[in-house]
Amino acid sequence: MPERNRPPDEHRYTITEVARLTGLRAHTLRWYEEMGLVTDVGRGPGGRRSYEVSHLRWLDFLAQVRETGMTVADLTRYVELVRKGEESVSERLALLEAHRCRLDDQAARLERCLRHLDARLASYRLAEQRLAPTTERTSSRSRRPAPPASATGRPTGAPVPAYA
């Protein structure tokens, strides 16, 4: 939120405001500036950082690509290319396309993992349904206490199935 004594069209933000708006910590914002990932941050009274709306948009982009796993080295390279201007468009495109390919590969691996997990969940749900009536009948007929459970939650001495 801009300071009250600033004209509304200047849209300048303190580091605290930027941290709140972006979800990035103030330490990260300072580090991005130190690394050269964020530039032209103005200084207000007392040398305090003063960010503009363009910084917020740029920080949003940085946060998005970092969340996708782009390395700081690739991000630094990308920033260097952006600073070169129009002559580096092809290199920027190649860098982002390579990152996109890595994300596609990762998404495919995760999709395979999810299919395996879903299959395991489905088998457990079927087993639970199959066992539920048996458990209810047994518990109503038998008043014996259940065997003590081990630290794993299984009854002591209960075998662990190889497929579990």
C-alpha atoms as a PDB file:
ATOM      1  CA  MET A   1       0.000   0.000   0.000  1.00  0.00           C
ATOM      2  CA  PRO A   2       1.540   3.387  -0.999  1.00  0.00           C
ATOM      3  CA  GLU A   3       2.399   5.918   1.673  1.00  0.00           C
ATOM      4  CA  ARG A   4      -0.277   8.535   2.283  1.00  0.00           C
ATOM      5  CA  ASN A   5       1.950  11.479   1.360  1.00  0.00           C
ATOM      6  CA  ARG A   6       2.807  10.046  -2.079  1.00  0.00           C
ATOM      7  CA  PRO A   7       0.688  10.886  -5.073  1.00  0.00           C
ATOM      8  CA  PRO A   8      -1.332   7.771  -5.991  1.00  0.00           C
ATOM      9  CA  ASP A   9       0.091   7.600  -9.532  1.00  0.00           C
ATOM     10  CA  GLU A  10       3.658   6.944  -8.319  1.00  0.00           C
ATOM     11  CA  HIS A  11       2.860   3.485  -6.938  1.00  0.00           C
ATOM     12  CA  ARG A  12       5.932   3.056  -4.750  1.00  0.00           C
ATOM     13  CA  TYR A  13       6.112   0.327  -2.127  1.00  0.00           C
ATOM     14  CA  THR A  14       8.323  -0.352   0.860  1.00  0.00           C
ATOM     15  CA  ILE A  15      10.112  -3.682   1.218  1.00  0.00           C
ATOM     16  CA  THR A  16       7.586  -4.684   3.882  1.00  0.00           C
ATOM     17  CA  GLU A  17       4.703  -3.973   1.523  1.00  0.00           C
ATOM     18  CA  VAL A  18       6.390  -5.844  -1.335  1.00  0.00           C
ATOM     19  CA  ALA A  19       7.046  -8.814   0.921  1.00  0.00           C
ATOM     20  CA  ARG A  20       3.387  -8.877   1.934  1.00  0.00           C
ATOM     21  CA  LEU A  21       2.125  -8.465  -1.647  1.00  0.00           C
ATOM     22  CA  THR A  22       4.466 -11.026  -3.237  1.00  0.00           C
ATOM     23  CA  GLY A  23       4.796 -13.562  -0.452  1.00  0.00           C
ATOM     24  CA  LEU A  24       8.586 -13.262  -0.680  1.00  0.00           C
ATOM     25  CA  ARG A  25      10.556 -12.589   2.471  1.00  0.00           C
ATOM     26  CA  ALA A  26      12.371  -9.273   2.826  1.00  0.00           C
ATOM     27  CA  HIS A  27      15.628 -11.246   3.056  1.00  0.00           C
ATOM     28  CA  THR A  28      14.882 -12.822  -0.353  1.00  0.00           C
ATOM     29  CA  LEU A  29      14.085  -9.419  -1.852  1.00  0.00           C
ATOM     30  CA  ARG A  30      17.419  -8.049  -0.645  1.00  0.00           C
ATOM     31  CA  TRP A  31      19.228 -11.148  -1.910  1.00  0.00           C
ATOM     32  CA  TYR A  32      17.577 -10.844  -5.360  1.00  0.00           C
ATOM     33  CA  GLU A  33      18.794  -7.262  -5.503  1.00  0.00           C
ATOM     34  CA  GLU A  34      22.291  -8.254  -4.356  1.00  0.00           C
ATOM     35  CA  MET A  35      22.416 -11.006  -7.011  1.00  0.00           C
ATOM     36  CA  GLY A  36      21.353  -8.531  -9.676  1.00  0.00           C
ATOM     37  CA  LEU A  37      18.054 -10.280 -10.334  1.00  0.00           C
ATOM     38  CA  VAL A  38      16.162  -7.108  -9.384  1.00  0.00           C
ATOM     39  CA  THR A  39      17.599  -3.770 -10.396  1.00  0.00           C
ATOM     40  CA  ASP A  40      16.803  -0.091 -10.246  1.00  0.00           C
ATOM     41  CA  VAL A  41      15.233  -0.275  -6.814  1.00  0.00           C
ATOM     42  CA  GLY A  42      14.926   3.311  -5.659  1.00  0.00           C
ATOM     43  CA  ARG A  43      15.769   4.557  -2.223  1.00  0.00           C
ATOM     44  CA  GLY A  44      13.460   6.616  -0.099  1.00  0.00           C
ATOM     45  CA  PRO A  45      14.083   8.547   3.087  1.00  0.00           C
ATOM     46  CA  GLY A  46      16.811   7.000   5.195  1.00  0.00           C
ATOM     47  CA  GLY A  47      17.960   4.814   2.286  1.00  0.00           C
ATOM     48  CA  ARG A  48      14.934   2.538   2.493  1.00  0.00           C
ATOM     49  CA  ARG A  49      14.103   0.554  -0.620  1.00  0.00           C
ATOM     50  CA  SER A  50      11.302   1.926  -2.767  1.00  0.00           C
ATOM     51  CA  TYR A  51       9.740  -0.463  -5.289  1.00  0.00           C
ATOM     52  CA  GLU A  52       7.534   0.341  -8.268  1.00  0.00           C
ATOM     53  CA  VAL A  53       4.687  -1.649  -9.829  1.00  0.00           C
ATOM     54  CA  SER A  54       7.106  -2.898 -12.508  1.00  0.00           C
ATOM     55  CA  HIS A  55       9.191  -4.473  -9.733  1.00  0.00           C
ATOM     56  CA  LEU A  56       6.097  -6.295  -8.462  1.00  0.00           C
ATOM     57  CA  ARG A  57       5.435  -7.746 -11.922  1.00  0.00           C
ATOM     58  CA  TRP A  58       9.074  -8.804 -12.289  1.00  0.00           C
ATOM     59  CA  LEU A  59       9.141 -10.336  -8.798  1.00  0.00           C
ATOM     60  CA  ASP A  60       5.997 -12.283  -9.638  1.00  0.00           C
ATOM     61  CA  PHE A  61       7.751 -13.725 -12.702  1.00  0.00           C
ATOM     62  CA  LEU A  62      10.852 -14.590 -10.647  1.00  0.00           C
ATOM     63  CA  ALA A  63       8.728 -16.287  -7.995  1.00  0.00           C
ATOM     64  CA  GLN A  64       6.860 -18.297 -10.641  1.00  0.00           C
ATOM     65  CA  VAL A  65       9.959 -19.637 -12.390  1.00  0.00           C
ATOM     66  CA  ARG A  66      11.692 -20.346  -9.072  1.00  0.00           C
ATOM     67  CA  GLU A  67       8.615 -22.277  -7.949  1.00  0.00           C
ATOM     68  CA  THR A  68       8.922 -24.414 -11.085  1.00  0.00           C
ATOM     69  CA  GLY A  69      12.474 -25.274 -10.092  1.00  0.00           C
ATOM     70  CA  MET A  70      14.489 -22.990 -12.346  1.00  0.00           C
ATOM     71  CA  THR A  71      17.971 -22.775 -10.903  1.00  0.00           C
ATOM     72  CA  VAL A  72      19.405 -19.491  -9.725  1.00  0.00           C
ATOM     73  CA  ALA A  73      22.154 -19.942 -12.333  1.00  0.00           C
ATOM     74  CA  ASP A  74      19.584 -20.201 -15.149  1.00  0.00           C
ATOM     75  CA  LEU A  75      17.633 -17.316 -13.715  1.00  0.00           C
ATOM     76  CA  THR A  76      20.779 -15.193 -13.523  1.00  0.00           C
ATOM     77  CA  ARG A  77      21.585 -16.093 -17.134  1.00  0.00           C
ATOM     78  CA  TYR A  78      18.051 -15.168 -18.165  1.00  0.00           C
ATOM     79  CA  VAL A  79      18.348 -11.780 -16.445  1.00  0.00           C
ATOM     80  CA  GLU A  80      21.668 -11.144 -18.215  1.00  0.00           C
ATOM     81  CA  LEU A  81      19.984 -11.924 -21.525  1.00  0.00           C
ATOM     82  CA  VAL A  82      17.052  -9.625 -20.762  1.00  0.00           C
ATOM     83  CA  ARG A  83      19.512  -6.810 -20.126  1.00  0.00           C
ATOM     84  CA  LYS A  84      21.067  -7.374 -23.566  1.00  0.00           C
ATOM     85  CA  GLY A  85      17.756  -6.389 -25.108  1.00  0.00           C
ATOM     86  CA  GLU A  86      16.268  -7.480 -28.411  1.00  0.00           C
ATOM     87  CA  GLU A  87      19.462  -9.177 -29.610  1.00  0.00           C
ATOM     88  CA  SER A  88      19.033 -11.904 -26.991  1.00  0.00           C
ATOM     89  CA  VAL A  89      15.439 -12.893 -27.707  1.00  0.00           C
ATOM     90  CA  SER A  90      16.465 -16.187 -29.368  1.00  0.00           C
ATOM     91  CA  GLU A  91      18.690 -17.130 -26.434  1.00  0.00           C
ATOM     92  CA  ARG A  92      15.946 -16.281 -23.937  1.00  0.00           C
ATOM     93  CA  LEU A  93      13.495 -18.346 -25.923  1.00  0.00           C
ATOM     94  CA  ALA A  94      15.905 -21.303 -25.942  1.00  0.00           C
ATOM     95  CA  LEU A  95      16.531 -21.035 -22.204  1.00  0.00           C
ATOM     96  CA  LEU A  96      12.817 -20.921 -21.358  1.00  0.00           C
ATOM     97  CA  GLU A  97      11.997 -23.724 -23.829  1.00  0.00           C
ATOM     98  CA  ALA A  98      14.678 -25.936 -22.223  1.00  0.00           C
ATOM     99  CA  HIS A  99      13.168 -25.204 -18.822  1.00  0.00           C
ATOM    100  CA  ARG A 100       9.702 -26.010 -20.196  1.00  0.00           C
ATOM    101  CA  CYS A 101      11.003 -29.380 -21.481  1.00  0.00           C
ATOM    102  CA  ARG A 102      12.379 -30.184 -18.020  1.00  0.00           C
ATOM    103  CA  LEU A 103       8.987 -29.335 -16.530  1.00  0.00           C
ATOM    104  CA  ASP A 104       7.211 -31.544 -19.089  1.00  0.00           C
ATOM    105  CA  ASP A 105       9.514 -34.443 -18.148  1.00  0.00           C
ATOM    106  CA  GLN A 106       8.904 -33.830 -14.460  1.00  0.00           C
ATOM    107  CA  ALA A 107       5.140 -33.668 -15.020  1.00  0.00           C
ATOM    108  CA  ALA A 108       5.236 -36.997 -16.887  1.00  0.00           C
ATOM    109  CA  ARG A 109       7.198 -38.614 -14.027  1.00  0.00           C
ATOM    110  CA  LEU A 110       4.741 -37.240 -11.482  1.00  0.00           C
ATOM    111  CA  GLU A 111       1.810 -38.485 -13.557  1.00  0.00           C
ATOM    112  CA  ARG A 112       3.296 -42.015 -13.562  1.00  0.00           C
ATOM    113  CA  CYS A 113       3.797 -41.816  -9.802  1.00  0.00           C
ATOM    114  CA  LEU A 114       0.206 -40.666  -9.326  1.00  0.00           C
ATOM    115  CA  ARG A 115      -1.095 -43.595 -11.388  1.00  0.00           C
ATOM    116  CA  HIS A 116       0.859 -46.019  -9.200  1.00  0.00           C
ATOM    117  CA  LEU A 117      -0.339 -44.318  -6.040  1.00  0.00           C
ATOM    118  CA  ASP A 118      -3.953 -44.323  -7.264  1.00  0.00           C
ATOM    119  CA  ALA A 119      -3.697 -48.053  -8.014  1.00  0.00           C
ATOM    120  CA  ARG A 120      -2.384 -48.719  -4.510  1.00  0.00           C
ATOM    121  CA  LEU A 121      -5.121 -46.577  -2.965  1.00  0.00           C
ATOM    122  CA  ALA A 122      -7.776 -48.421  -4.975  1.00  0.00           C
ATOM    123  CA  SER A 123      -6.463 -51.800  -3.799  1.00  0.00           C
ATOM    124  CA  TYR A 124      -6.526 -50.634  -0.173  1.00  0.00           C
ATOM    125  CA  ARG A 125     -10.058 -49.303  -0.554  1.00  0.00           C
ATOM    126  CA  LEU A 126     -11.189 -52.658  -1.945  1.00  0.00           C
ATOM    127  CA  ALA A 127      -9.412 -54.486   0.887  1.00  0.00           C
ATOM    128  CA  GLU A 128     -11.018 -52.174   3.419  1.00  0.00           C
ATOM    129  CA  GLN A 129     -14.484 -52.849   1.974  1.00  0.00           C
ATOM    130  CA  ARG A 130     -13.819 -56.579   1.924  1.00  0.00           C
ATOM    131  CA  LEU A 131     -12.613 -56.575   5.520  1.00  0.00           C
ATOM    132  CA  ALA A 132     -15.213 -54.209   6.989  1.00  0.00           C
ATOM    133  CA  PRO A 133     -18.075 -56.738   7.322  1.00  0.00           C
ATOM    134  CA  THR A 134     -15.695 -59.352   8.756  1.00  0.00           C
ATOM    135  CA  THR A 135     -14.366 -56.922  11.335  1.00  0.00           C
ATOM    136  CA  GLU A 136     -17.879 -55.893  12.413  1.00  0.00           C
ATOM    137  CA  ARG A 137     -19.054 -59.524  12.847  1.00  0.00           C
ATOM    138  CA  THR A 138     -15.920 -60.513  14.732  1.00  0.00           C
ATOM    139  CA  SER A 139     -16.014 -57.546  17.074  1.00  0.00           C
ATOM    140  CA  SER A 140     -19.665 -58.079  17.961  1.00  0.00           C
ATOM    141  CA  ARG A 141     -19.103 -61.767  18.822  1.00  0.00           C
ATOM    142  CA  SER A 142     -15.787 -61.422  20.574  1.00  0.00           C
ATOM    143  CA  ARG A 143     -15.341 -59.306  23.662  1.00  0.00           C
ATOM    144  CA  ARG A 144     -11.622 -60.029  23.936  1.00  0.00           C
ATOM    145  CA  PRO A 145      -9.383 -56.962  23.954  1.00  0.00           C
ATOM    146  CA  ALA A 146      -7.313 -56.364  20.841  1.00  0.00           C
ATOM    147  CA  PRO A 147      -3.662 -57.403  21.040  1.00  0.00           C
ATOM    148  CA  PRO A 148      -1.259 -54.614  22.050  1.00  0.00           C
ATOM    149  CA  ALA A 149      -0.028 -52.479  19.174  1.00  0.00           C
ATOM    150  CA  SER A 150       3.619 -51.954  18.409  1.00  0.00           C
ATOM    151  CA  ALA A 151       5.143 -48.567  17.614  1.00  0.00           C
ATOM    152  CA  THR A 152       4.116 -49.115  13.982  1.00  0.00           C
ATOM    153  CA  GLY A 153       0.464 -49.424  14.900  1.00  0.00           C
ATOM    154  CA  ARG A 154       0.291 -53.119  13.939  1.00  0.00           C
ATOM    155  CA  PRO A 155      -0.499 -55.701  16.613  1.00  0.00           C
ATOM    156  CA  THR A 156       2.654 -57.087  18.151  1.00  0.00           C
ATOM    157  CA  GLY A 157       3.807 -60.143  16.253  1.00  0.00           C
ATOM    158  CA  ALA A 158       1.586 -59.402  13.249  1.00  0.00           C
ATOM    159  CA  PRO A 159       3.351 -60.187   9.982  1.00  0.00           C
ATOM    160  CA  VAL A 160       4.048 -57.356   7.579  1.00  0.00           C
ATOM    161  CA  PRO A 161       2.843 -58.249   4.081  1.00  0.00           C
ATOM    162  CA  ALA A 162       5.493 -57.861   1.402  1.00  0.00           C
ATOM    163  CA  TYR A 163       3.144 -55.830  -0.781  1.00  0.00           C
ATOM    164  CA  ALA A 164       2.117 -53.289   1.902  1.00  0.00           C
END
